Amino acid sequence: MPSDFVEISGLHFGYGRRKILKGLDLRVPRGKVVSIMGGSGCGKTTLLRVIGGALRPSAGTLIVDGESVNELDRDGLYRLRRKMGMLFQLGALFTDLSVFDNVAFPMRERTDLPEPIVRDLVLMKLHAVGLRGASKLMPNELSGGMSRRVALARAVALDPQLIMYDEPFTGLDPISLGVISNLIRTLNDALGATSIVVTHDVRESMKILDYCYLMAEGQIVAQGTPAEMLGSELPYARQFFHGEIDGAVPFHYPGTDYGAELGLATRAR
């Protein structure tokens, strides 16, 4: 069994002439919580979609649990996806299904388990995220933090080997943020799973990570343990992790000379 659950080498992806991923190389070891961080629009979510097989890379190697995703047919891809769980941005619960039915959905769709067993498993998953008592509520009755926890229970409903999180901390209050952060680490270790967390939340994510990759413009620009990343002197890493206003990413968008645009030189004459 390979030591890395995900192995990516020279990965490229784009929409027509617009290049999103530009030669990525990264490894996600089994049993670890690994983060992919970076500014908005750098390609983090696209990378998750490529790993899950929703998008096909234009070049490079993508190995997930020892299988080359690029070479899988439809049945092979569906088989591989059974090993994955996904927490989407903002939870993405089915609004017309109760909390119970949201968590039960993957069990009913992907297995032939009898309903009594589905019931017990759903209650176990909801209990793990602290929401067994909310099983009969509808999504519109939940707070943002509760919605994210229900979505997490759904993501781990089938005990996936790989759990992917797309911006799990966005829009949460400090208490909910701490709860979700703790659950990501706890569930990963309890399930013996591997987790990929896409986020730009430095403060919370650094508490639970084993390793971090920093992306910029579709490429990996820095990598290391949380301590190594926070102490990095690389310009972009230092700016990103310490929230500096100006640096490798300039405050001003490129443009013509400010004085010339205002016509100051002409007025001076």
C-alpha atoms as a PDB file:
ATOM      1  CA  MET A   1       0.000   0.000   0.000  1.00  0.00           C
ATOM      2  CA  PRO A   2       1.477   3.398  -0.991  1.00  0.00           C
ATOM      3  CA  SER A   3       2.374   5.692   1.911  1.00  0.00           C
ATOM      4  CA  ASP A   4       0.718   8.632   0.126  1.00  0.00           C
ATOM      5  CA  PHE A   5      -3.032   8.587  -0.439  1.00  0.00           C
ATOM      6  CA  VAL A   6      -2.764  11.336  -3.065  1.00  0.00           C
ATOM      7  CA  GLU A   7       0.249  11.819  -5.356  1.00  0.00           C
ATOM      8  CA  ILE A   8       0.277  14.688  -7.847  1.00  0.00           C
ATOM      9  CA  SER A   9       3.082  15.431 -10.284  1.00  0.00           C
ATOM     10  CA  GLY A  10       3.275  18.072 -13.011  1.00  0.00           C
ATOM     11  CA  LEU A  11      -0.495  18.642 -12.932  1.00  0.00           C
ATOM     12  CA  HIS A  12      -2.007  21.103 -15.415  1.00  0.00           C
ATOM     13  CA  PHE A  13      -5.625  22.174 -15.874  1.00  0.00           C
ATOM     14  CA  GLY A  14      -7.326  25.047 -17.607  1.00  0.00           C
ATOM     15  CA  TYR A  15     -10.486  26.239 -19.315  1.00  0.00           C
ATOM     16  CA  GLY A  16      -9.444  26.747 -22.916  1.00  0.00           C
ATOM     17  CA  ARG A  17      -6.585  29.235 -22.926  1.00  0.00           C
ATOM     18  CA  ARG A  18      -7.140  30.189 -19.311  1.00  0.00           C
ATOM     19  CA  LYS A  19      -4.669  28.183 -17.222  1.00  0.00           C
ATOM     20  CA  ILE A  20      -5.770  27.405 -13.655  1.00  0.00           C
ATOM     21  CA  LEU A  21      -3.289  24.779 -12.428  1.00  0.00           C
ATOM     22  CA  LYS A  22       0.240  25.111 -13.764  1.00  0.00           C
ATOM     23  CA  GLY A  23       2.441  22.122 -13.039  1.00  0.00           C
ATOM     24  CA  LEU A  24       1.477  21.238  -9.453  1.00  0.00           C
ATOM     25  CA  ASP A  25       3.490  18.735  -7.407  1.00  0.00           C
ATOM     26  CA  LEU A  26       2.225  17.631  -4.003  1.00  0.00           C
ATOM     27  CA  ARG A  27       1.777  14.601  -1.743  1.00  0.00           C
ATOM     28  CA  VAL A  28      -0.896  13.848   0.846  1.00  0.00           C
ATOM     29  CA  PRO A  29       0.317  11.132   3.275  1.00  0.00           C
ATOM     30  CA  ARG A  30      -2.170   8.609   4.628  1.00  0.00           C
ATOM     31  CA  GLY A  31      -3.677   9.471   7.983  1.00  0.00           C
ATOM     32  CA  LYS A  32      -2.618  13.120   7.895  1.00  0.00           C
ATOM     33  CA  VAL A  33      -4.472  16.427   7.771  1.00  0.00           C
ATOM     34  CA  VAL A  34      -2.998  18.481   4.936  1.00  0.00           C
ATOM     35  CA  SER A  35      -4.048  21.998   4.011  1.00  0.00           C
ATOM     36  CA  ILE A  36      -3.976  23.739   0.655  1.00  0.00           C
ATOM     37  CA  MET A  37      -3.962  27.459   1.313  1.00  0.00           C
ATOM     38  CA  GLY A  38      -3.789  30.570  -0.826  1.00  0.00           C
ATOM     39  CA  GLY A  39      -5.651  33.672  -1.854  1.00  0.00           C
ATOM     40  CA  SER A  40      -9.032  33.665  -3.568  1.00  0.00           C
ATOM     41  CA  GLY A  41      -8.936  32.482  -7.171  1.00  0.00           C
ATOM     42  CA  CYS A  42      -5.569  30.720  -6.982  1.00  0.00           C
ATOM     43  CA  GLY A  43      -7.017  27.305  -7.962  1.00  0.00           C
ATOM     44  CA  LYS A  44      -7.626  25.590  -4.608  1.00  0.00           C
ATOM     45  CA  THR A  45     -11.225  24.493  -5.229  1.00  0.00           C
ATOM     46  CA  THR A  46     -10.383  23.505  -8.797  1.00  0.00           C
ATOM     47  CA  LEU A  47      -7.685  21.214  -7.433  1.00  0.00           C
ATOM     48  CA  LEU A  48     -10.223  19.466  -5.179  1.00  0.00           C
ATOM     49  CA  ARG A  49     -12.504  18.927  -8.164  1.00  0.00           C
ATOM     50  CA  VAL A  50      -9.633  17.436 -10.139  1.00  0.00           C
ATOM     51  CA  ILE A  51      -8.738  15.075  -7.277  1.00  0.00           C
ATOM     52  CA  GLY A  52     -12.378  13.983  -7.069  1.00  0.00           C
ATOM     53  CA  GLY A  53     -12.514  13.310 -10.804  1.00  0.00           C
ATOM     54  CA  ALA A  54     -15.095  16.005 -11.572  1.00  0.00           C
ATOM     55  CA  LEU A  55     -12.506  17.669 -13.818  1.00  0.00           C
ATOM     56  CA  ARG A  56      -9.872  15.982 -15.984  1.00  0.00           C
ATOM     57  CA  PRO A  57      -6.347  17.440 -15.971  1.00  0.00           C
ATOM     58  CA  SER A  58      -4.827  18.349 -19.325  1.00  0.00           C
ATOM     59  CA  ALA A  59      -1.408  17.015 -18.345  1.00  0.00           C
ATOM     60  CA  GLY A  60       0.432  15.465 -15.415  1.00  0.00           C
ATOM     61  CA  THR A  61      -0.017  12.528 -13.069  1.00  0.00           C
ATOM     62  CA  LEU A  62      -2.768  12.133 -10.454  1.00  0.00           C
ATOM     63  CA  ILE A  63      -2.693   9.017  -8.281  1.00  0.00           C
ATOM     64  CA  VAL A  64      -5.370   8.487  -5.602  1.00  0.00           C
ATOM     65  CA  ASP A  65      -5.075   5.411  -3.389  1.00  0.00           C
ATOM     66  CA  GLY A  66      -2.753   3.817  -5.923  1.00  0.00           C
ATOM     67  CA  GLU A  67      -5.026   4.405  -8.928  1.00  0.00           C
ATOM     68  CA  SER A  68      -4.368   6.768 -11.832  1.00  0.00           C
ATOM     69  CA  VAL A  69      -7.497   8.905 -11.912  1.00  0.00           C
ATOM     70  CA  ASN A  70      -6.871   9.971 -15.517  1.00  0.00           C
ATOM     71  CA  GLU A  71      -7.070   6.370 -16.714  1.00  0.00           C
ATOM     72  CA  LEU A  72     -10.246   5.315 -14.903  1.00  0.00           C
ATOM     73  CA  ASP A  73     -13.466   4.718 -16.801  1.00  0.00           C
ATOM     74  CA  ARG A  74     -16.812   5.838 -15.411  1.00  0.00           C
ATOM     75  CA  ASP A  75     -17.320   2.733 -13.239  1.00  0.00           C
ATOM     76  CA  GLY A  76     -13.774   2.936 -11.934  1.00  0.00           C
ATOM     77  CA  LEU A  77     -14.201   6.596 -11.071  1.00  0.00           C
ATOM     78  CA  TYR A  78     -17.442   5.949  -9.195  1.00  0.00           C
ATOM     79  CA  ARG A  79     -15.747   3.110  -7.309  1.00  0.00           C
ATOM     80  CA  LEU A  80     -12.921   5.426  -6.297  1.00  0.00           C
ATOM     81  CA  ARG A  81     -15.330   8.164  -5.228  1.00  0.00           C
ATOM     82  CA  ARG A  82     -16.899   5.771  -2.724  1.00  0.00           C
ATOM     83  CA  LYS A  83     -13.664   6.201  -0.777  1.00  0.00           C
ATOM     84  CA  MET A  84     -14.130   9.979  -0.651  1.00  0.00           C
ATOM     85  CA  GLY A  85     -16.224  12.366   1.383  1.00  0.00           C
ATOM     86  CA  MET A  86     -16.677  16.045   0.565  1.00  0.00           C
ATOM     87  CA  LEU A  87     -17.651  19.018   2.689  1.00  0.00           C
ATOM     88  CA  PHE A  88     -18.725  21.694   0.207  1.00  0.00           C
ATOM     89  CA  GLN A  89     -18.491  25.426   0.709  1.00  0.00           C
ATOM     90  CA  LEU A  90     -21.262  26.599   3.068  1.00  0.00           C
ATOM     91  CA  GLY A  91     -22.414  22.983   3.576  1.00  0.00           C
ATOM     92  CA  ALA A  92     -24.670  22.620   0.508  1.00  0.00           C
ATOM     93  CA  LEU A  93     -27.400  20.739   2.373  1.00  0.00           C
ATOM     94  CA  PHE A  94     -30.516  19.615   0.496  1.00  0.00           C
ATOM     95  CA  THR A  95     -33.004  22.255   1.605  1.00  0.00           C
ATOM     96  CA  ASP A  96     -36.081  20.071   1.211  1.00  0.00           C
ATOM     97  CA  LEU A  97     -34.670  17.207   3.303  1.00  0.00           C
ATOM     98  CA  SER A  98     -34.475  17.043   7.079  1.00  0.00           C
ATOM     99  CA  VAL A  99     -31.160  16.832   8.924  1.00  0.00           C
ATOM    100  CA  PHE A 100     -31.687  13.076   9.293  1.00  0.00           C
ATOM    101  CA  ASP A 101     -32.439  12.570   5.600  1.00  0.00           C
ATOM    102  CA  ASN A 102     -29.490  14.712   4.529  1.00  0.00           C
ATOM    103  CA  VAL A 103     -27.094  12.438   6.408  1.00  0.00           C
ATOM    104  CA  ALA A 104     -28.946   9.316   5.295  1.00  0.00           C
ATOM    105  CA  PHE A 105     -28.832  10.351   1.625  1.00  0.00           C
ATOM    106  CA  PRO A 106     -25.432   8.831   0.700  1.00  0.00           C
ATOM    107  CA  MET A 107     -26.285   5.631   2.588  1.00  0.00           C
ATOM    108  CA  ARG A 108     -29.544   5.219   0.701  1.00  0.00           C
ATOM    109  CA  GLU A 109     -27.990   6.125  -2.659  1.00  0.00           C
ATOM    110  CA  ARG A 110     -24.818   4.054  -2.452  1.00  0.00           C
ATOM    111  CA  THR A 111     -25.731   1.050  -0.296  1.00  0.00           C
ATOM    112  CA  ASP A 112     -28.483  -1.520   0.155  1.00  0.00           C
ATOM    113  CA  LEU A 113     -28.505  -1.235   3.919  1.00  0.00           C
ATOM    114  CA  PRO A 114     -31.875  -1.881   5.578  1.00  0.00           C
ATOM    115  CA  GLU A 115     -33.567   1.186   7.012  1.00  0.00           C
ATOM    116  CA  PRO A 116     -33.069   0.209  10.708  1.00  0.00           C
ATOM    117  CA  ILE A 117     -29.299   0.095  10.153  1.00  0.00           C
ATOM    118  CA  VAL A 118     -29.399   3.385   8.219  1.00  0.00           C
ATOM    119  CA  ARG A 119     -31.231   4.926  11.164  1.00  0.00           C
ATOM    120  CA  ASP A 120     -28.635   3.756  13.674  1.00  0.00           C
ATOM    121  CA  LEU A 121     -25.736   4.910  11.501  1.00  0.00           C
ATOM    122  CA  VAL A 122     -27.268   8.350  10.917  1.00  0.00           C
ATOM    123  CA  LEU A 123     -27.786   8.853  14.636  1.00  0.00           C
ATOM    124  CA  MET A 124     -24.179   7.772  15.268  1.00  0.00           C
ATOM    125  CA  LYS A 125     -22.847  10.309  12.758  1.00  0.00           C
ATOM    126  CA  LEU A 126     -25.035  13.085  14.131  1.00  0.00           C
ATOM    127  CA  HIS A 127     -24.005  12.201  17.674  1.00  0.00           C
ATOM    128  CA  ALA A 128     -20.348  12.458  16.619  1.00  0.00           C
ATOM    129  CA  VAL A 129     -20.899  16.090  15.549  1.00  0.00           C
ATOM    130  CA  GLY A 130     -23.118  16.890  18.552  1.00  0.00           C
ATOM    131  CA  LEU A 131     -26.415  17.177  16.669  1.00  0.00           C
ATOM    132  CA  ARG A 132     -28.300  13.951  17.306  1.00  0.00           C
ATOM    133  CA  GLY A 133     -31.028  16.010  18.957  1.00  0.00           C
ATOM    134  CA  ALA A 134     -31.461  18.078  15.781  1.00  0.00           C
ATOM    135  CA  SER A 135     -32.210  15.123  13.492  1.00  0.00           C
ATOM    136  CA  LYS A 136     -35.791  16.222  12.756  1.00  0.00           C
ATOM    137  CA  LEU A 137     -34.986  19.853  11.986  1.00  0.00           C
ATOM    138  CA  MET A 138     -34.944  21.288   8.469  1.00  0.00           C
ATOM    139  CA  PRO A 139     -31.884  23.129   7.079  1.00  0.00           C
ATOM    140  CA  ASN A 140     -33.619  26.521   7.322  1.00  0.00           C
ATOM    141  CA  GLU A 141     -33.933  25.965  11.079  1.00  0.00           C
ATOM    142  CA  LEU A 142     -30.182  25.581  11.566  1.00  0.00           C
ATOM    143  CA  SER A 143     -27.517  28.163  12.320  1.00  0.00           C
ATOM    144  CA  GLY A 144     -24.503  28.436  10.037  1.00  0.00           C
ATOM    145  CA  GLY A 145     -22.349  26.398  12.391  1.00  0.00           C
ATOM    146  CA  MET A 146     -25.001  23.695  12.770  1.00  0.00           C
ATOM    147  CA  SER A 147     -25.420  23.467   8.991  1.00  0.00           C
ATOM    148  CA  ARG A 148     -21.693  22.929   8.591  1.00  0.00           C
ATOM    149  CA  ARG A 149     -21.719  20.184  11.230  1.00  0.00           C
ATOM    150  CA  VAL A 150     -24.619  18.390   9.528  1.00  0.00           C
ATOM    151  CA  ALA A 151     -22.746  18.628   6.236  1.00  0.00           C
ATOM    152  CA  LEU A 152     -19.709  17.124   7.950  1.00  0.00           C
ATOM    153  CA  ALA A 153     -21.810  14.240   9.298  1.00  0.00           C
ATOM    154  CA  ARG A 154     -23.034  13.642   5.729  1.00  0.00           C
ATOM    155  CA  ALA A 155     -19.475  13.796   4.370  1.00  0.00           C
ATOM    156  CA  VAL A 156     -18.342  11.010   6.730  1.00  0.00           C
ATOM    157  CA  ALA A 157     -21.560   8.989   6.481  1.00  0.00           C
ATOM    158  CA  LEU A 158     -19.840   6.097   4.683  1.00  0.00           C
ATOM    159  CA  ASP A 159     -16.553   6.293   6.618  1.00  0.00           C
ATOM    160  CA  PRO A 160     -14.507   7.608   3.660  1.00  0.00           C
ATOM    161  CA  GLN A 161     -10.777   7.090   3.476  1.00  0.00           C
ATOM    162  CA  LEU A 162     -10.269  10.591   2.044  1.00  0.00           C
ATOM    163  CA  ILE A 163     -12.197  13.609   3.322  1.00  0.00           C
ATOM    164  CA  MET A 164     -11.965  16.878   1.400  1.00  0.00           C
ATOM    165  CA  TYR A 165     -13.033  20.191   2.915  1.00  0.00           C
ATOM    166  CA  ASP A 166     -13.681  23.253   0.761  1.00  0.00           C
ATOM    167  CA  GLU A 167     -13.442  26.392   2.924  1.00  0.00           C
ATOM    168  CA  PRO A 168     -14.960  24.786   6.052  1.00  0.00           C
ATOM    169  CA  PHE A 169     -14.409  27.860   8.255  1.00  0.00           C
ATOM    170  CA  THR A 170     -15.989  30.551   6.073  1.00  0.00           C
ATOM    171  CA  GLY A 171     -18.688  32.635   7.752  1.00  0.00           C
ATOM    172  CA  LEU A 172     -18.556  30.934  11.159  1.00  0.00           C
ATOM    173  CA  ASP A 173     -18.560  32.620  14.554  1.00  0.00           C
ATOM    174  CA  PRO A 174     -15.548  31.915  16.814  1.00  0.00           C
ATOM    175  CA  ILE A 175     -17.291  29.149  18.765  1.00  0.00           C
ATOM    176  CA  SER A 176     -18.577  27.314  15.673  1.00  0.00           C
ATOM    177  CA  LEU A 177     -15.204  27.769  14.004  1.00  0.00           C
ATOM    178  CA  GLY A 178     -13.464  26.098  16.941  1.00  0.00           C
ATOM    179  CA  VAL A 179     -15.998  23.254  16.949  1.00  0.00           C
ATOM    180  CA  ILE A 180     -15.556  22.532  13.219  1.00  0.00           C
ATOM    181  CA  SER A 181     -11.773  22.733  13.520  1.00  0.00           C
ATOM    182  CA  ASN A 182     -11.749  20.236  16.378  1.00  0.00           C
ATOM    183  CA  LEU A 183     -14.130  17.902  14.520  1.00  0.00           C
ATOM    184  CA  ILE A 184     -11.910  17.831  11.423  1.00  0.00           C
ATOM    185  CA  ARG A 185      -8.950  16.647  13.474  1.00  0.00           C
ATOM    186  CA  THR A 186     -10.951  14.315  15.725  1.00  0.00           C
ATOM    187  CA  LEU A 187     -12.889  12.616  12.930  1.00  0.00           C
ATOM    188  CA  ASN A 188      -9.757  12.205  10.818  1.00  0.00           C
ATOM    189  CA  ASP A 189      -7.985  10.395  13.634  1.00  0.00           C
ATOM    190  CA  ALA A 190     -11.028   8.392  14.763  1.00  0.00           C
ATOM    191  CA  LEU A 191     -11.775   7.135  11.235  1.00  0.00           C
ATOM    192  CA  GLY A 192      -8.128   6.576  10.330  1.00  0.00           C
ATOM    193  CA  ALA A 193      -8.813   8.820   7.341  1.00  0.00           C
ATOM    194  CA  THR A 194      -6.771  11.289   5.294  1.00  0.00           C
ATOM    195  CA  SER A 195      -7.956  14.892   5.064  1.00  0.00           C
ATOM    196  CA  ILE A 196      -7.356  17.732   2.609  1.00  0.00           C
ATOM    197  CA  VAL A 197      -8.493  21.126   3.898  1.00  0.00           C
ATOM    198  CA  VAL A 198      -8.771  23.983   1.404  1.00  0.00           C
ATOM    199  CA  THR A 199      -8.834  27.246   3.318  1.00  0.00           C
ATOM    200  CA  HIS A 200      -7.354  30.701   3.725  1.00  0.00           C
ATOM    201  CA  ASP A 201      -8.027  30.759   7.480  1.00  0.00           C
ATOM    202  CA  VAL A 202      -4.509  30.752   8.908  1.00  0.00           C
ATOM    203  CA  ARG A 203      -5.203  31.055  12.621  1.00  0.00           C
ATOM    204  CA  GLU A 204      -7.620  28.154  12.995  1.00  0.00           C
ATOM    205  CA  SER A 205      -6.221  25.740  10.445  1.00  0.00           C
ATOM    206  CA  MET A 206      -2.669  25.890  11.787  1.00  0.00           C
ATOM    207  CA  LYS A 207      -3.908  24.305  15.038  1.00  0.00           C
ATOM    208  CA  ILE A 208      -4.925  21.040  13.369  1.00  0.00           C
ATOM    209  CA  LEU A 209      -2.607  20.589  10.369  1.00  0.00           C
ATOM    210  CA  ASP A 210       0.218  18.159   9.852  1.00  0.00           C
ATOM    211  CA  TYR A 211       1.449  19.818   6.661  1.00  0.00           C
ATOM    212  CA  CYS A 212       0.597  22.802   4.500  1.00  0.00           C
ATOM    213  CA  TYR A 213       0.911  23.773   0.834  1.00  0.00           C
ATOM    214  CA  LEU A 214       0.635  27.412  -0.201  1.00  0.00           C
ATOM    215  CA  MET A 215      -0.685  28.152  -3.694  1.00  0.00           C
ATOM    216  CA  ALA A 216      -0.426  31.268  -5.821  1.00  0.00           C
ATOM    217  CA  GLU A 217      -1.526  31.636  -9.446  1.00  0.00           C
ATOM    218  CA  GLY A 218      -1.995  27.895  -9.915  1.00  0.00           C
ATOM    219  CA  GLN A 219       1.369  26.838  -8.498  1.00  0.00           C
ATOM    220  CA  ILE A 220       2.789  25.662  -5.182  1.00  0.00           C
ATOM    221  CA  VAL A 221       5.010  28.468  -3.913  1.00  0.00           C
ATOM    222  CA  ALA A 222       5.779  27.167  -0.399  1.00  0.00           C
ATOM    223  CA  GLN A 223       5.254  24.059   1.705  1.00  0.00           C
ATOM    224  CA  GLY A 224       6.086  22.755   5.153  1.00  0.00           C
ATOM    225  CA  THR A 225       4.817  22.103   8.661  1.00  0.00           C
ATOM    226  CA  PRO A 226       2.739  24.817  10.350  1.00  0.00           C
ATOM    227  CA  ALA A 227       5.794  26.025  12.277  1.00  0.00           C
ATOM    228  CA  GLU A 228       7.908  26.138   9.116  1.00  0.00           C
ATOM    229  CA  MET A 229       5.264  28.055   7.200  1.00  0.00           C
ATOM    230  CA  LEU A 230       4.682  30.622   9.935  1.00  0.00           C
ATOM    231  CA  GLY A 231       8.434  31.208  10.145  1.00  0.00           C
ATOM    232  CA  SER A 232       9.023  31.277   6.390  1.00  0.00           C
ATOM    233  CA  GLU A 233      10.936  34.219   4.943  1.00  0.00           C
ATOM    234  CA  LEU A 234       9.670  33.612   1.412  1.00  0.00           C
ATOM    235  CA  PRO A 235       8.003  36.920   0.400  1.00  0.00           C
ATOM    236  CA  TYR A 236       4.576  35.539  -0.523  1.00  0.00           C
ATOM    237  CA  ALA A 237       4.460  33.136   2.448  1.00  0.00           C
ATOM    238  CA  ARG A 238       5.420  35.896   4.875  1.00  0.00           C
ATOM    239  CA  GLN A 239       2.789  38.232   3.450  1.00  0.00           C
ATOM    240  CA  PHE A 240       0.045  35.595   3.425  1.00  0.00           C
ATOM    241  CA  PHE A 241       0.595  34.104   6.871  1.00  0.00           C
ATOM    242  CA  HIS A 242       1.089  37.436   8.609  1.00  0.00           C
ATOM    243  CA  GLY A 243      -1.574  39.398   6.736  1.00  0.00           C
ATOM    244  CA  GLU A 244       0.752  42.080   5.395  1.00  0.00           C
ATOM    245  CA  ILE A 245      -1.006  44.622   3.177  1.00  0.00           C
ATOM    246  CA  ASP A 246       1.746  45.014   0.612  1.00  0.00           C
ATOM    247  CA  GLY A 247       4.489  42.686  -0.544  1.00  0.00           C
ATOM    248  CA  ALA A 248       4.713  39.897  -3.107  1.00  0.00           C
ATOM    249  CA  VAL A 249       1.042  40.604  -3.844  1.00  0.00           C
ATOM    250  CA  PRO A 250       1.009  44.402  -4.350  1.00  0.00           C
ATOM    251  CA  PHE A 251      -1.726  46.617  -2.926  1.00  0.00           C
ATOM    252  CA  HIS A 252      -2.182  48.384  -6.261  1.00  0.00           C
ATOM    253  CA  TYR A 253      -3.399  46.524  -9.335  1.00  0.00           C
ATOM    254  CA  PRO A 254      -0.967  47.095 -12.233  1.00  0.00           C
ATOM    255  CA  GLY A 255      -1.779  50.220 -14.227  1.00  0.00           C
ATOM    256  CA  THR A 256      -0.292  53.195 -15.994  1.00  0.00           C
ATOM    257  CA  ASP A 257       1.692  55.874 -14.173  1.00  0.00           C
ATOM    258  CA  TYR A 258      -0.633  57.590 -11.697  1.00  0.00           C
ATOM    259  CA  GLY A 259       0.640  61.091 -12.379  1.00  0.00           C
ATOM    260  CA  ALA A 260       0.430  60.624 -16.136  1.00  0.00           C
ATOM    261  CA  GLU A 261      -3.130  59.333 -15.888  1.00  0.00           C
ATOM    262  CA  LEU A 262      -4.151  62.392 -13.895  1.00  0.00           C
ATOM    263  CA  GLY A 263      -2.474  64.600 -16.498  1.00  0.00           C
ATOM    264  CA  LEU A 264      -0.179  66.191 -13.942  1.00  0.00           C
ATOM    265  CA  ALA A 265       2.761  66.453 -16.353  1.00  0.00           C
ATOM    266  CA  THR A 266       0.593  68.250 -18.917  1.00  0.00           C
ATOM    267  CA  ARG A 267      -0.746  70.686 -16.325  1.00  0.00           C
ATOM    268  CA  ALA A 268       2.738  71.447 -15.090  1.00  0.00           C
ATOM    269  CA  ARG A 269       3.693  72.669 -18.586  1.00  0.00           C
END
